Amino acid sequence: MRIGLDIMGGDFAPQSPLEGVRLVMQQGLAEEVVLVLFGDKGPLDAFLSDHNLAGHPQIEVVYTTQVIDMAESP
């Protein structure tokens, strides 16, 4: 199972979603679960490196360059 997470969305992003990733990785994921993190390269790489999660087989990163603002129409 692959679970996609928008790291740059929500209040207190990207720190809060990344802390959630850190906590779930500490507790352990089932072998079949892969977290797919979507967000800016700088904050993602720094966080994963600082917490020894860079290159973890259960974490994939998709770097994004664009932002959709709350005021934009679908």
C-alpha atoms as a PDB file:
ATOM      1  CA  MET A   1       0.000   0.000   0.000  1.00  0.00           C
ATOM      2  CA  ARG A   2       1.273   3.453  -0.914  1.00  0.00           C
ATOM      3  CA  ILE A   3       0.140   6.438   1.158  1.00  0.00           C
ATOM      4  CA  GLY A   4       0.638   9.922  -0.318  1.00  0.00           C
ATOM      5  CA  LEU A   5       1.254  12.854   2.032  1.00  0.00           C
ATOM      6  CA  ASP A   6       1.233  16.539   1.077  1.00  0.00           C
ATOM      7  CA  ILE A   7       4.024  17.791   3.304  1.00  0.00           C
ATOM      8  CA  MET A   8       3.534  21.440   2.346  1.00  0.00           C
ATOM      9  CA  GLY A   9      -0.205  21.628   3.082  1.00  0.00           C
ATOM     10  CA  GLY A  10      -2.032  22.465   6.277  1.00  0.00           C
ATOM     11  CA  ASP A  11      -1.247  24.510   9.346  1.00  0.00           C
ATOM     12  CA  PHE A  12       2.363  24.524  10.558  1.00  0.00           C
ATOM     13  CA  ALA A  13       3.618  22.857   7.389  1.00  0.00           C
ATOM     14  CA  PRO A  14       6.060  21.396   6.655  1.00  0.00           C
ATOM     15  CA  GLN A  15       7.152  20.769  10.258  1.00  0.00           C
ATOM     16  CA  SER A  16       3.928  19.169  11.579  1.00  0.00           C
ATOM     17  CA  PRO A  17       3.447  16.639   8.760  1.00  0.00           C
ATOM     18  CA  LEU A  18       7.134  15.742   8.869  1.00  0.00           C
ATOM     19  CA  GLU A  19       6.970  15.175  12.629  1.00  0.00           C
ATOM     20  CA  GLY A  20       4.101  12.785  11.944  1.00  0.00           C
ATOM     21  CA  VAL A  21       6.286  10.919   9.463  1.00  0.00           C
ATOM     22  CA  ARG A  22       9.077  10.723  12.046  1.00  0.00           C
ATOM     23  CA  LEU A  23       6.716   9.373  14.714  1.00  0.00           C
ATOM     24  CA  VAL A  24       5.187   6.704  12.482  1.00  0.00           C
ATOM     25  CA  MET A  25       8.627   5.597  11.321  1.00  0.00           C
ATOM     26  CA  GLN A  26       9.759   5.252  14.950  1.00  0.00           C
ATOM     27  CA  GLN A  27       6.740   3.081  15.733  1.00  0.00           C
ATOM     28  CA  GLY A  28       7.277   1.021  12.607  1.00  0.00           C
ATOM     29  CA  LEU A  29       5.211   0.445   9.494  1.00  0.00           C
ATOM     30  CA  ALA A  30       3.966  -2.805   8.083  1.00  0.00           C
ATOM     31  CA  GLU A  31       6.370  -4.046   5.398  1.00  0.00           C
ATOM     32  CA  GLU A  32       3.893  -3.417   2.579  1.00  0.00           C
ATOM     33  CA  VAL A  33       3.374   0.273   3.448  1.00  0.00           C
ATOM     34  CA  VAL A  34       5.315   2.992   1.605  1.00  0.00           C
ATOM     35  CA  LEU A  35       4.938   6.684   2.425  1.00  0.00           C
ATOM     36  CA  VAL A  36       5.103   8.954  -0.626  1.00  0.00           C
ATOM     37  CA  LEU A  37       5.989  12.484   0.477  1.00  0.00           C
ATOM     38  CA  PHE A  38       5.119  15.402  -1.818  1.00  0.00           C
ATOM     39  CA  GLY A  39       6.800  18.766  -1.201  1.00  0.00           C
ATOM     40  CA  ASP A  40       9.704  21.170  -1.582  1.00  0.00           C
ATOM     41  CA  LYS A  41      13.141  19.619  -1.974  1.00  0.00           C
ATOM     42  CA  GLY A  42      14.939  21.728   0.659  1.00  0.00           C
ATOM     43  CA  PRO A  43      12.743  21.052   3.699  1.00  0.00           C
ATOM     44  CA  LEU A  44      12.167  17.407   2.788  1.00  0.00           C
ATOM     45  CA  ASP A  45      15.816  16.549   2.218  1.00  0.00           C
ATOM     46  CA  ALA A  46      16.948  18.411   5.340  1.00  0.00           C
ATOM     47  CA  PHE A  47      14.383  16.714   7.587  1.00  0.00           C
ATOM     48  CA  LEU A  48      14.968  13.217   6.226  1.00  0.00           C
ATOM     49  CA  SER A  49      18.718  13.634   6.535  1.00  0.00           C
ATOM     50  CA  ASP A  50      18.538  15.073  10.071  1.00  0.00           C
ATOM     51  CA  HIS A  51      16.400  12.132  11.229  1.00  0.00           C
ATOM     52  CA  ASN A  52      18.309   9.368   9.405  1.00  0.00           C
ATOM     53  CA  LEU A  53      15.377   8.659   7.102  1.00  0.00           C
ATOM     54  CA  ALA A  54      17.011   9.606   3.792  1.00  0.00           C
ATOM     55  CA  GLY A  55      17.007   6.596   1.493  1.00  0.00           C
ATOM     56  CA  HIS A  56      14.679   4.593   3.732  1.00  0.00           C
ATOM     57  CA  PRO A  57      13.019   1.888   1.602  1.00  0.00           C
ATOM     58  CA  GLN A  58       9.551   2.772   2.929  1.00  0.00           C
ATOM     59  CA  ILE A  59       9.811   6.467   2.042  1.00  0.00           C
ATOM     60  CA  GLU A  60       9.566   7.874  -1.477  1.00  0.00           C
ATOM     61  CA  VAL A  61       9.882  11.579  -2.224  1.00  0.00           C
ATOM     62  CA  VAL A  62       8.213  13.491  -5.053  1.00  0.00           C
ATOM     63  CA  TYR A  63       9.560  17.024  -5.269  1.00  0.00           C
ATOM     64  CA  THR A  64       7.089  19.747  -6.156  1.00  0.00           C
ATOM     65  CA  THR A  65       7.654  23.234  -7.522  1.00  0.00           C
ATOM     66  CA  GLN A  66       4.149  24.662  -7.645  1.00  0.00           C
ATOM     67  CA  VAL A  67       1.647  25.650  -4.981  1.00  0.00           C
ATOM     68  CA  ILE A  68      -2.136  25.773  -5.221  1.00  0.00           C
ATOM     69  CA  ASP A  69      -3.442  28.620  -3.068  1.00  0.00           C
ATOM     70  CA  MET A  70      -6.672  28.380  -1.081  1.00  0.00           C
ATOM     71  CA  ALA A  71      -8.258  31.105  -3.255  1.00  0.00           C
ATOM     72  CA  GLU A  72      -7.668  29.256  -6.530  1.00  0.00           C
ATOM     73  CA  SER A  73     -10.637  27.553  -8.144  1.00  0.00           C
ATOM     74  CA  PRO A  74     -10.467  23.829  -8.858  1.00  0.00           C
END
